Amino acid sequence: VNEFRLKEELCNLLKLQQTSVGTHNMYREYRDLTTSGAVTQCYRDMGARHRARAHSIQIMKVQVIAANKCRRPAIKQFHDSKIKFPLPHRVLRRQHKPRFTTKRPNTFY
């Protein structure tokens, strides 16, 4: 049963992958709202990065960890409380747009 939370959780996965060379252990970290979402993210990530098929991946352990136990810099960069994201291509909605205008819209800022 999936229960949805408003706050994301940080999951680490210990997994075993069977490749043509041998068996490899991997430690991965994912941010998601649910643990099942983190597992799905792991399968998709491994398929994209390593061309690993789902049948060759065995997930051994899934844990929810605290932010200070995080190891990976790609996940640590989101721990800043003052993080900001740019809005690169803002397009006016139709109700706020004038019918006729003399200049082109500026959608980048």
PDB file of N, CA and C in Angstrom:
ATOM      1  N   VAL A   1       0.859  -1.178   0.000  1.00  0.00           N
ATOM      2  CA  VAL A   1       0.000   0.000   0.000  1.00  0.00           C
ATOM      3  C   VAL A   1       0.897   1.230   0.000  1.00  0.00           C
ATOM      4  N   ASN A   2       0.696   2.097  -0.975  1.00  0.00           N
ATOM      5  CA  ASN A   2       1.460   3.343  -1.047  1.00  0.00           C
ATOM      6  C   ASN A   2       0.754   4.415  -0.243  1.00  0.00           C
ATOM      7  N   GLU A   3       1.465   5.022   0.668  1.00  0.00           N
ATOM      8  CA  GLU A   3       0.923   6.167   1.385  1.00  0.00           C
ATOM      9  C   GLU A   3       1.731   7.381   0.962  1.00  0.00           C
ATOM     10  N   PHE A   4       1.044   8.427   0.561  1.00  0.00           N
ATOM     11  CA  PHE A   4       1.717   9.597   0.028  1.00  0.00           C
ATOM     12  C   PHE A   4       1.977  10.605   1.132  1.00  0.00           C
ATOM     13  N   ARG A   5       3.181  11.131   1.138  1.00  0.00           N
ATOM     14  CA  ARG A   5       3.585  12.128   2.112  1.00  0.00           C
ATOM     15  C   ARG A   5       3.876  13.430   1.376  1.00  0.00           C
ATOM     16  N   LEU A   6       3.800  14.519   2.093  1.00  0.00           N
ATOM     17  CA  LEU A   6       4.144  15.801   1.502  1.00  0.00           C
ATOM     18  C   LEU A   6       5.634  16.077   1.591  1.00  0.00           C
ATOM     19  N   LYS A   7       6.335  15.364   2.470  1.00  0.00           N
ATOM     20  CA  LYS A   7       7.768  15.550   2.621  1.00  0.00           C
ATOM     21  C   LYS A   7       8.485  14.360   1.991  1.00  0.00           C
ATOM     22  N   GLU A   8       9.544  14.664   1.232  1.00  0.00           N
ATOM     23  CA  GLU A   8      10.276  13.581   0.586  1.00  0.00           C
ATOM     24  C   GLU A   8      11.134  12.860   1.609  1.00  0.00           C
ATOM     25  N   GLU A   9      11.454  11.627   1.303  1.00  0.00           N
ATOM     26  CA  GLU A   9      12.359  10.881   2.163  1.00  0.00           C
ATOM     27  C   GLU A   9      13.567  10.465   1.346  1.00  0.00           C
ATOM     28  N   LEU A  10      14.639  10.255   2.038  1.00  0.00           N
ATOM     29  CA  LEU A  10      15.903   9.896   1.426  1.00  0.00           C
ATOM     30  C   LEU A  10      16.100   8.404   1.640  1.00  0.00           C
ATOM     31  N   CYS A  11      16.158   7.640   0.557  1.00  0.00           N
ATOM     32  CA  CYS A  11      16.276   6.185   0.656  1.00  0.00           C
ATOM     33  C   CYS A  11      17.626   5.755   0.119  1.00  0.00           C
ATOM     34  N   ASN A  12      18.241   4.814   0.815  1.00  0.00           N
ATOM     35  CA  ASN A  12      19.424   4.197   0.243  1.00  0.00           C
ATOM     36  C   ASN A  12      19.096   2.753  -0.075  1.00  0.00           C
ATOM     37  N   LEU A  13      19.638   2.267  -1.178  1.00  0.00           N
ATOM     38  CA  LEU A  13      19.372   0.919  -1.640  1.00  0.00           C
ATOM     39  C   LEU A  13      20.687   0.177  -1.761  1.00  0.00           C
ATOM     40  N   LEU A  14      20.723  -0.999  -1.219  1.00  0.00           N
ATOM     41  CA  LEU A  14      21.862  -1.885  -1.397  1.00  0.00           C
ATOM     42  C   LEU A  14      21.397  -2.948  -2.373  1.00  0.00           C
ATOM     43  N   LYS A  15      22.075  -3.058  -3.502  1.00  0.00           N
ATOM     44  CA  LYS A  15      21.581  -3.970  -4.523  1.00  0.00           C
ATOM     45  C   LYS A  15      22.699  -4.784  -5.123  1.00  0.00           C
ATOM     46  N   LEU A  16      22.300  -5.853  -5.747  1.00  0.00           N
ATOM     47  CA  LEU A  16      23.195  -6.809  -6.381  1.00  0.00           C
ATOM     48  C   LEU A  16      22.853  -6.824  -7.858  1.00  0.00           C
ATOM     49  N   GLN A  17      23.856  -6.695  -8.719  1.00  0.00           N
ATOM     50  CA  GLN A  17      23.596  -6.699 -10.148  1.00  0.00           C
ATOM     51  C   GLN A  17      24.425  -7.782 -10.815  1.00  0.00           C
ATOM     52  N   GLN A  18      23.768  -8.574 -11.615  1.00  0.00           N
ATOM     53  CA  GLN A  18      24.429  -9.631 -12.375  1.00  0.00           C
ATOM     54  C   GLN A  18      24.763  -9.083 -13.754  1.00  0.00           C
ATOM     55  N   THR A  19      26.046  -9.061 -14.115  1.00  0.00           N
ATOM     56  CA  THR A  19      26.461  -8.598 -15.435  1.00  0.00           C
ATOM     57  C   THR A  19      27.150  -9.737 -16.162  1.00  0.00           C
ATOM     58  N   SER A  20      27.591  -9.459 -17.373  1.00  0.00           N
ATOM     59  CA  SER A  20      28.286 -10.491 -18.143  1.00  0.00           C
ATOM     60  C   SER A  20      29.648 -10.802 -17.543  1.00  0.00           C
ATOM     61  N   VAL A  21      30.216  -9.865 -16.791  1.00  0.00           N
ATOM     62  CA  VAL A  21      31.525 -10.063 -16.172  1.00  0.00           C
ATOM     63  C   VAL A  21      31.400 -10.791 -14.845  1.00  0.00           C
ATOM     64  N   GLY A  22      30.362 -10.485 -14.077  1.00  0.00           N
ATOM     65  CA  GLY A  22      30.193 -11.099 -12.767  1.00  0.00           C
ATOM     66  C   GLY A  22      29.079 -10.426 -11.990  1.00  0.00           C
ATOM     67  N   THR A  23      29.141 -10.592 -10.679  1.00  0.00           N
ATOM     68  CA  THR A  23      28.144 -10.012  -9.790  1.00  0.00           C
ATOM     69  C   THR A  23      28.747  -8.800  -9.088  1.00  0.00           C
ATOM     70  N   HIS A  24      28.007  -7.701  -9.046  1.00  0.00           N
ATOM     71  CA  HIS A  24      28.509  -6.459  -8.469  1.00  0.00           C
ATOM     72  C   HIS A  24      27.540  -5.955  -7.409  1.00  0.00           C
ATOM     73  N   ASN A  25      28.085  -5.518  -6.273  1.00  0.00           N
ATOM     74  CA  ASN A  25      27.293  -4.858  -5.243  1.00  0.00           C
ATOM     75  C   ASN A  25      27.310  -3.360  -5.513  1.00  0.00           C
ATOM     76  N   MET A  26      26.187  -2.695  -5.272  1.00  0.00           N
ATOM     77  CA  MET A  26      26.110  -1.250  -5.462  1.00  0.00           C
ATOM     78  C   MET A  26      25.323  -0.622  -4.331  1.00  0.00           C
ATOM     79  N   TYR A  27      25.716   0.597  -3.993  1.00  0.00           N
ATOM     80  CA  TYR A  27      25.002   1.405  -3.013  1.00  0.00           C
ATOM     81  C   TYR A  27      24.474   2.629  -3.742  1.00  0.00           C
ATOM     82  N   ARG A  28      23.177   2.861  -3.698  1.00  0.00           N
ATOM     83  CA  ARG A  28      22.557   3.982  -4.402  1.00  0.00           C
ATOM     84  C   ARG A  28      21.693   4.784  -3.432  1.00  0.00           C
ATOM     85  N   GLU A  29      21.565   6.085  -3.690  1.00  0.00           N
ATOM     86  CA  GLU A  29      20.703   6.955  -2.886  1.00  0.00           C
ATOM     87  C   GLU A  29      19.724   7.671  -3.806  1.00  0.00           C
ATOM     88  N   TYR A  30      18.468   7.720  -3.379  1.00  0.00           N
ATOM     89  CA  TYR A  30      17.425   8.386  -4.152  1.00  0.00           C
ATOM     90  C   TYR A  30      16.533   9.183  -3.222  1.00  0.00           C
ATOM     91  N   ARG A  31      16.015  10.308  -3.720  1.00  0.00           N
ATOM     92  CA  ARG A  31      15.029  11.110  -2.992  1.00  0.00           C
ATOM     93  C   ARG A  31      13.681  10.866  -3.639  1.00  0.00           C
ATOM     94  N   ASP A  32      12.710  10.479  -2.838  1.00  0.00           N
ATOM     95  CA  ASP A  32      11.364  10.246  -3.350  1.00  0.00           C
ATOM     96  C   ASP A  32      10.376  10.364  -2.206  1.00  0.00           C
ATOM     97  N   LEU A  33       9.089  10.419  -2.539  1.00  0.00           N
ATOM     98  CA  LEU A  33       8.060  10.513  -1.510  1.00  0.00           C
ATOM     99  C   LEU A  33       7.801   9.174  -0.843  1.00  0.00           C
ATOM    100  N   THR A  34       7.998   8.080  -1.570  1.00  0.00           N
ATOM    101  CA  THR A  34       7.755   6.747  -1.021  1.00  0.00           C
ATOM    102  C   THR A  34       8.957   5.858  -1.308  1.00  0.00           C
ATOM    103  N   THR A  35       9.066   4.772  -0.559  1.00  0.00           N
ATOM    104  CA  THR A  35      10.157   3.827  -0.814  1.00  0.00           C
ATOM    105  C   THR A  35       9.927   3.084  -2.122  1.00  0.00           C
ATOM    106  N   SER A  36       8.680   2.804  -2.455  1.00  0.00           N
ATOM    107  CA  SER A  36       8.422   2.125  -3.728  1.00  0.00           C
ATOM    108  C   SER A  36       8.761   3.036  -4.905  1.00  0.00           C
ATOM    109  N   GLY A  37       8.587   4.338  -4.738  1.00  0.00           N
ATOM    110  CA  GLY A  37       8.998   5.280  -5.771  1.00  0.00           C
ATOM    111  C   GLY A  37      10.504   5.312  -5.935  1.00  0.00           C
ATOM    112  N   ALA A  38      11.229   5.174  -4.826  1.00  0.00           N
ATOM    113  CA  ALA A  38      12.691   5.142  -4.889  1.00  0.00           C
ATOM    114  C   ALA A  38      13.181   3.873  -5.580  1.00  0.00           C
ATOM    115  N   VAL A  39      12.497   2.757  -5.351  1.00  0.00           N
ATOM    116  CA  VAL A  39      12.868   1.501  -6.011  1.00  0.00           C
ATOM    117  C   VAL A  39      12.615   1.609  -7.514  1.00  0.00           C
ATOM    118  N   THR A  40      11.479   2.178  -7.904  1.00  0.00           N
ATOM    119  CA  THR A  40      11.186   2.389  -9.325  1.00  0.00           C
ATOM    120  C   THR A  40      12.229   3.300  -9.953  1.00  0.00           C
ATOM    121  N   GLN A  41      12.611   4.339  -9.234  1.00  0.00           N
ATOM    122  CA  GLN A  41      13.639   5.260  -9.709  1.00  0.00           C
ATOM    123  C   GLN A  41      14.966   4.528  -9.898  1.00  0.00           C
ATOM    124  N   CYS A  42      15.264   3.583  -9.018  1.00  0.00           N
ATOM    125  CA  CYS A  42      16.498   2.801  -9.117  1.00  0.00           C
ATOM    126  C   CYS A  42      16.502   1.939 -10.370  1.00  0.00           C
ATOM    127  N   TYR A  43      15.396   1.248 -10.629  1.00  0.00           N
ATOM    128  CA  TYR A  43      15.320   0.408 -11.826  1.00  0.00           C
ATOM    129  C   TYR A  43      15.482   1.242 -13.093  1.00  0.00           C
ATOM    130  N   ARG A  44      14.852   2.392 -13.139  1.00  0.00           N
ATOM    131  CA  ARG A  44      14.947   3.244 -14.328  1.00  0.00           C
ATOM    132  C   ARG A  44      16.342   3.834 -14.477  1.00  0.00           C
ATOM    133  N   ASP A  45      16.952   4.213 -13.361  1.00  0.00           N
ATOM    134  CA  ASP A  45      18.291   4.784 -13.390  1.00  0.00           C
ATOM    135  C   ASP A  45      19.319   3.751 -13.844  1.00  0.00           C
ATOM    136  N   MET A  46      19.199   2.540 -13.334  1.00  0.00           N
ATOM    137  CA  MET A  46      20.142   1.488 -13.719  1.00  0.00           C
ATOM    138  C   MET A  46      19.958   1.091 -15.181  1.00  0.00           C
ATOM    139  N   GLY A  47      18.732   1.115 -15.656  1.00  0.00           N
ATOM    140  CA  GLY A  47      18.495   0.839 -17.069  1.00  0.00           C
ATOM    141  C   GLY A  47      19.082   1.920 -17.959  1.00  0.00           C
ATOM    142  N   ALA A  48      19.013   3.161 -17.518  1.00  0.00           N
ATOM    143  CA  ALA A  48      19.517   4.270 -18.323  1.00  0.00           C
ATOM    144  C   ALA A  48      21.036   4.380 -18.266  1.00  0.00           C
ATOM    145  N   ARG A  49      21.613   4.277 -17.075  1.00  0.00           N
ATOM    146  CA  ARG A  49      23.055   4.482 -16.931  1.00  0.00           C
ATOM    147  C   ARG A  49      23.885   3.255 -17.296  1.00  0.00           C
ATOM    148  N   HIS A  50      23.399   2.080 -16.923  1.00  0.00           N
ATOM    149  CA  HIS A  50      24.213   0.876 -17.071  1.00  0.00           C
ATOM    150  C   HIS A  50      23.616  -0.154 -18.023  1.00  0.00           C
ATOM    151  N   ARG A  51      22.485   0.180 -18.651  1.00  0.00           N
ATOM    152  CA  ARG A  51      21.781  -0.745 -19.551  1.00  0.00           C
ATOM    153  C   ARG A  51      21.458  -2.065 -18.858  1.00  0.00           C
ATOM    154  N   ALA A  52      21.157  -1.977 -17.571  1.00  0.00           N
ATOM    155  CA  ALA A  52      20.846  -3.173 -16.782  1.00  0.00           C
ATOM    156  C   ALA A  52      19.365  -3.494 -16.920  1.00  0.00           C
ATOM    157  N   ARG A  53      19.055  -4.735 -17.179  1.00  0.00           N
ATOM    158  CA  ARG A  53      17.662  -5.173 -17.254  1.00  0.00           C
ATOM    159  C   ARG A  53      17.147  -5.431 -15.843  1.00  0.00           C
ATOM    160  N   ALA A  54      15.838  -5.360 -15.678  1.00  0.00           N
ATOM    161  CA  ALA A  54      15.229  -5.509 -14.352  1.00  0.00           C
ATOM    162  C   ALA A  54      15.461  -6.900 -13.778  1.00  0.00           C
ATOM    163  N   HIS A  55      15.517  -7.921 -14.630  1.00  0.00           N
ATOM    164  CA  HIS A  55      15.709  -9.286 -14.120  1.00  0.00           C
ATOM    165  C   HIS A  55      17.125  -9.532 -13.624  1.00  0.00           C
ATOM    166  N   SER A  56      18.076  -8.658 -13.984  1.00  0.00           N
ATOM    167  CA  SER A  56      19.454  -8.845 -13.525  1.00  0.00           C
ATOM    168  C   SER A  56      19.761  -8.032 -12.264  1.00  0.00           C
ATOM    169  N   ILE A  57      18.765  -7.327 -11.718  1.00  0.00           N
ATOM    170  CA  ILE A  57      18.961  -6.505 -10.524  1.00  0.00           C
ATOM    171  C   ILE A  57      18.211  -7.130  -9.359  1.00  0.00           C
ATOM    172  N   GLN A  58      18.906  -7.312  -8.239  1.00  0.00           N
ATOM    173  CA  GLN A  58      18.278  -7.778  -7.001  1.00  0.00           C
ATOM    174  C   GLN A  58      18.488  -6.707  -5.942  1.00  0.00           C
ATOM    175  N   ILE A  59      17.410  -6.179  -5.407  1.00  0.00           N
ATOM    176  CA  ILE A  59      17.518  -5.178  -4.351  1.00  0.00           C
ATOM    177  C   ILE A  59      17.533  -5.910  -3.023  1.00  0.00           C
ATOM    178  N   MET A  60      18.625  -5.761  -2.295  1.00  0.00           N
ATOM    179  CA  MET A  60      18.818  -6.493  -1.050  1.00  0.00           C
ATOM    180  C   MET A  60      18.200  -5.771   0.143  1.00  0.00           C
ATOM    181  N   LYS A  61      18.352  -4.434   0.209  1.00  0.00           N
ATOM    182  CA  LYS A  61      17.887  -3.703   1.377  1.00  0.00           C
ATOM    183  C   LYS A  61      17.509  -2.283   0.975  1.00  0.00           C
ATOM    184  N   VAL A  62      16.406  -1.784   1.518  1.00  0.00           N
ATOM    185  CA  VAL A  62      15.971  -0.400   1.319  1.00  0.00           C
ATOM    186  C   VAL A  62      15.803   0.224   2.696  1.00  0.00           C
ATOM    187  N   GLN A  63      16.449   1.364   2.917  1.00  0.00           N
ATOM    188  CA  GLN A  63      16.358   2.055   4.201  1.00  0.00           C
ATOM    189  C   GLN A  63      16.045   3.523   3.969  1.00  0.00           C
ATOM    190  N   VAL A  64      15.282   4.102   4.881  1.00  0.00           N
ATOM    191  CA  VAL A  64      15.081   5.549   4.899  1.00  0.00           C
ATOM    192  C   VAL A  64      16.138   6.121   5.834  1.00  0.00           C
ATOM    193  N   ILE A  65      16.931   7.068   5.329  1.00  0.00           N
ATOM    194  CA  ILE A  65      18.035   7.609   6.117  1.00  0.00           C
ATOM    195  C   ILE A  65      17.828   9.100   6.371  1.00  0.00           C
ATOM    196  N   ALA A  66      18.533   9.613   7.357  1.00  0.00           N
ATOM    197  CA  ALA A  66      18.491  11.041   7.671  1.00  0.00           C
ATOM    198  C   ALA A  66      19.377  11.802   6.691  1.00  0.00           C
ATOM    199  N   ALA A  67      19.161  13.095   6.597  1.00  0.00           N
ATOM    200  CA  ALA A  67      19.908  13.914   5.644  1.00  0.00           C
ATOM    201  C   ALA A  67      21.397  13.968   5.976  1.00  0.00           C
ATOM    202  N   ASN A  68      21.757  13.897   7.259  1.00  0.00           N
ATOM    203  CA  ASN A  68      23.178  13.971   7.609  1.00  0.00           C
ATOM    204  C   ASN A  68      23.921  12.669   7.340  1.00  0.00           C
ATOM    205  N   LYS A  69      23.225  11.589   7.044  1.00  0.00           N
ATOM    206  CA  LYS A  69      23.861  10.311   6.708  1.00  0.00           C
ATOM    207  C   LYS A  69      24.061  10.139   5.203  1.00  0.00           C
ATOM    208  N   CYS A  70      23.675  11.135   4.441  1.00  0.00           N
ATOM    209  CA  CYS A  70      23.760  11.059   2.983  1.00  0.00           C
ATOM    210  C   CYS A  70      25.221  11.105   2.538  1.00  0.00           C
ATOM    211  N   ARG A  71      25.575  10.299   1.523  1.00  0.00           N
ATOM    212  CA  ARG A  71      26.955  10.229   1.030  1.00  0.00           C
ATOM    213  C   ARG A  71      27.147  10.912  -0.321  1.00  0.00           C
ATOM    214  N   ARG A  72      26.176  10.808  -1.200  1.00  0.00           N
ATOM    215  CA  ARG A  72      26.343  11.226  -2.587  1.00  0.00           C
ATOM    216  C   ARG A  72      26.170  12.736  -2.765  1.00  0.00           C
ATOM    217  N   PRO A  73      27.125  13.390  -3.456  1.00  0.00           N
ATOM    218  CA  PRO A  73      27.024  14.840  -3.645  1.00  0.00           C
ATOM    219  C   PRO A  73      25.835  15.255  -4.511  1.00  0.00           C
ATOM    220  N   ALA A  74      25.389  14.403  -5.415  1.00  0.00           N
ATOM    221  CA  ALA A  74      24.235  14.735  -6.253  1.00  0.00           C
ATOM    222  C   ALA A  74      22.959  14.844  -5.427  1.00  0.00           C
ATOM    223  N   ILE A  75      22.895  14.142  -4.309  1.00  0.00           N
ATOM    224  CA  ILE A  75      21.740  14.210  -3.418  1.00  0.00           C
ATOM    225  C   ILE A  75      21.951  15.298  -2.366  1.00  0.00           C
ATOM    226  N   LYS A  76      23.205  15.490  -1.925  1.00  0.00           N
ATOM    227  CA  LYS A  76      23.507  16.486  -0.893  1.00  0.00           C
ATOM    228  C   LYS A  76      23.228  17.912  -1.347  1.00  0.00           C
ATOM    229  N   GLN A  77      23.287  18.169  -2.644  1.00  0.00           N
ATOM    230  CA  GLN A  77      23.098  19.536  -3.123  1.00  0.00           C
ATOM    231  C   GLN A  77      21.682  20.051  -2.883  1.00  0.00           C
ATOM    232  N   PHE A  78      20.724  19.170  -2.640  1.00  0.00           N
ATOM    233  CA  PHE A  78      19.349  19.589  -2.384  1.00  0.00           C
ATOM    234  C   PHE A  78      19.067  19.806  -0.901  1.00  0.00           C
ATOM    235  N   HIS A  79      20.050  19.654  -0.034  1.00  0.00           N
ATOM    236  CA  HIS A  79      19.843  19.826   1.400  1.00  0.00           C
ATOM    237  C   HIS A  79      19.928  21.281   1.844  1.00  0.00           C
ATOM    238  N   ASP A  80      20.240  22.189   0.941  1.00  0.00           N
ATOM    239  CA  ASP A  80      20.316  23.609   1.265  1.00  0.00           C
ATOM    240  C   ASP A  80      18.903  24.153   1.460  1.00  0.00           C
ATOM    241  N   SER A  81      18.674  24.831   2.578  1.00  0.00           N
ATOM    242  CA  SER A  81      17.328  25.353   2.850  1.00  0.00           C
ATOM    243  C   SER A  81      17.004  26.587   2.011  1.00  0.00           C
ATOM    244  N   LYS A  82      18.021  27.226   1.442  1.00  0.00           N
ATOM    245  CA  LYS A  82      17.802  28.429   0.638  1.00  0.00           C
ATOM    246  C   LYS A  82      17.984  28.153  -0.850  1.00  0.00           C
ATOM    247  N   ILE A  83      17.728  26.937  -1.290  1.00  0.00           N
ATOM    248  CA  ILE A  83      17.918  26.575  -2.687  1.00  0.00           C
ATOM    249  C   ILE A  83      16.859  27.258  -3.545  1.00  0.00           C
ATOM    250  N   LYS A  84      17.278  27.711  -4.730  1.00  0.00           N
ATOM    251  CA  LYS A  84      16.367  28.368  -5.661  1.00  0.00           C
ATOM    252  C   LYS A  84      16.510  27.710  -7.025  1.00  0.00           C
ATOM    253  N   PHE A  85      15.406  27.634  -7.747  1.00  0.00           N
ATOM    254  CA  PHE A  85      15.405  27.066  -9.081  1.00  0.00           C
ATOM    255  C   PHE A  85      14.978  28.147 -10.075  1.00  0.00           C
ATOM    256  N   PRO A  86      15.689  28.300 -11.187  1.00  0.00           N
ATOM    257  CA  PRO A  86      15.298  29.309 -12.165  1.00  0.00           C
ATOM    258  C   PRO A  86      14.054  28.872 -12.942  1.00  0.00           C
ATOM    259  N   LEU A  87      13.307  29.854 -13.409  1.00  0.00           N
ATOM    260  CA  LEU A  87      12.155  29.601 -14.269  1.00  0.00           C
ATOM    261  C   LEU A  87      12.515  30.127 -15.656  1.00  0.00           C
ATOM    262  N   PRO A  88      13.130  29.301 -16.516  1.00  0.00           N
ATOM    263  CA  PRO A  88      13.748  29.813 -17.732  1.00  0.00           C
ATOM    264  C   PRO A  88      12.780  30.200 -18.852  1.00  0.00           C
ATOM    265  N   HIS A  89      11.629  29.566 -18.980  1.00  0.00           N
ATOM    266  CA  HIS A  89      10.765  29.827 -20.135  1.00  0.00           C
ATOM    267  C   HIS A  89       9.338  30.036 -19.649  1.00  0.00           C
ATOM    268  N   ARG A  90       9.059  31.241 -19.179  1.00  0.00           N
ATOM    269  CA  ARG A  90       7.734  31.546 -18.649  1.00  0.00           C
ATOM    270  C   ARG A  90       6.870  32.116 -19.763  1.00  0.00           C
ATOM    271  N   VAL A  91       5.757  31.476 -20.036  1.00  0.00           N
ATOM    272  CA  VAL A  91       4.843  31.908 -21.083  1.00  0.00           C
ATOM    273  C   VAL A  91       3.570  32.404 -20.414  1.00  0.00           C
ATOM    274  N   LEU A  92       3.077  33.548 -20.858  1.00  0.00           N
ATOM    275  CA  LEU A  92       1.848  34.096 -20.292  1.00  0.00           C
ATOM    276  C   LEU A  92       0.653  33.219 -20.639  1.00  0.00           C
ATOM    277  N   ARG A  93      -0.222  33.058 -19.669  1.00  0.00           N
ATOM    278  CA  ARG A  93      -1.454  32.333 -19.948  1.00  0.00           C
ATOM    279  C   ARG A  93      -2.363  33.197 -20.808  1.00  0.00           C
ATOM    280  N   ARG A  94      -3.282  32.562 -21.475  1.00  0.00           N
ATOM    281  CA  ARG A  94      -4.126  33.254 -22.430  1.00  0.00           C
ATOM    282  C   ARG A  94      -4.960  34.369 -21.780  1.00  0.00           C
ATOM    283  N   GLN A  95      -5.420  34.171 -20.572  1.00  0.00           N
ATOM    284  CA  GLN A  95      -6.278  35.174 -19.943  1.00  0.00           C
ATOM    285  C   GLN A  95      -5.515  36.438 -19.550  1.00  0.00           C
ATOM    286  N   HIS A  96      -4.192  36.346 -19.407  1.00  0.00           N
ATOM    287  CA  HIS A  96      -3.389  37.514 -19.061  1.00  0.00           C
ATOM    288  C   HIS A  96      -2.728  38.150 -20.285  1.00  0.00           C
ATOM    289  N   LYS A  97      -2.913  37.543 -21.427  1.00  0.00           N
ATOM    290  CA  LYS A  97      -2.256  38.015 -22.630  1.00  0.00           C
ATOM    291  C   LYS A  97      -3.164  39.022 -23.352  1.00  0.00           C
ATOM    292  N   PRO A  98      -2.618  40.143 -23.822  1.00  0.00           N
ATOM    293  CA  PRO A  98      -3.455  41.068 -24.597  1.00  0.00           C
ATOM    294  C   PRO A  98      -3.779  40.482 -25.976  1.00  0.00           C
ATOM    295  N   ARG A  99      -4.893  40.899 -26.533  1.00  0.00           N
ATOM    296  CA  ARG A  99      -5.306  40.368 -27.834  1.00  0.00           C
ATOM    297  C   ARG A  99      -4.349  40.805 -28.936  1.00  0.00           C
ATOM    298  N   PHE A 100      -4.017  42.078 -28.970  1.00  0.00           N
ATOM    299  CA  PHE A 100      -3.091  42.595 -29.971  1.00  0.00           C
ATOM    300  C   PHE A 100      -1.979  43.342 -29.252  1.00  0.00           C
ATOM    301  N   THR A 101      -0.762  43.186 -29.749  1.00  0.00           N
ATOM    302  CA  THR A 101       0.366  43.902 -29.162  1.00  0.00           C
ATOM    303  C   THR A 101       1.367  44.244 -30.252  1.00  0.00           C
ATOM    304  N   THR A 102       2.227  45.211 -29.983  1.00  0.00           N
ATOM    305  CA  THR A 102       3.164  45.676 -31.006  1.00  0.00           C
ATOM    306  C   THR A 102       4.550  45.070 -30.865  1.00  0.00           C
ATOM    307  N   LYS A 103       4.758  44.267 -29.849  1.00  0.00           N
ATOM    308  CA  LYS A 103       6.082  43.663 -29.685  1.00  0.00           C
ATOM    309  C   LYS A 103       5.950  42.172 -29.382  1.00  0.00           C
ATOM    310  N   ARG A 104       7.011  41.461 -29.634  1.00  0.00           N
ATOM    311  CA  ARG A 104       7.025  40.025 -29.379  1.00  0.00           C
ATOM    312  C   ARG A 104       7.102  39.764 -27.882  1.00  0.00           C
ATOM    313  N   PRO A 105       6.564  38.644 -27.437  1.00  0.00           N
ATOM    314  CA  PRO A 105       6.633  38.360 -25.999  1.00  0.00           C
ATOM    315  C   PRO A 105       8.053  37.984 -25.574  1.00  0.00           C
ATOM    316  N   ASN A 106       8.431  38.392 -24.385  1.00  0.00           N
ATOM    317  CA  ASN A 106       9.732  38.058 -23.820  1.00  0.00           C
ATOM    318  C   ASN A 106       9.513  36.917 -22.827  1.00  0.00           C
ATOM    319  N   THR A 107       9.901  35.698 -23.184  1.00  0.00           N
ATOM    320  CA  THR A 107       9.626  34.542 -22.330  1.00  0.00           C
ATOM    321  C   THR A 107      10.836  34.096 -21.535  1.00  0.00           C
ATOM    322  N   PHE A 108      11.979  34.757 -21.700  1.00  0.00           N
ATOM    323  CA  PHE A 108      13.149  34.397 -20.904  1.00  0.00           C
ATOM    324  C   PHE A 108      13.529  35.583 -20.039  1.00  0.00           C
ATOM    325  N   TYR A 109      14.017  35.305 -18.838  1.00  0.00           N
ATOM    326  CA  TYR A 109      14.352  36.364 -17.893  1.00  0.00           C
ATOM    327  C   TYR A 109      15.724  36.126 -17.322  1.00  0.00           C
TER     328      TYR A 109
END
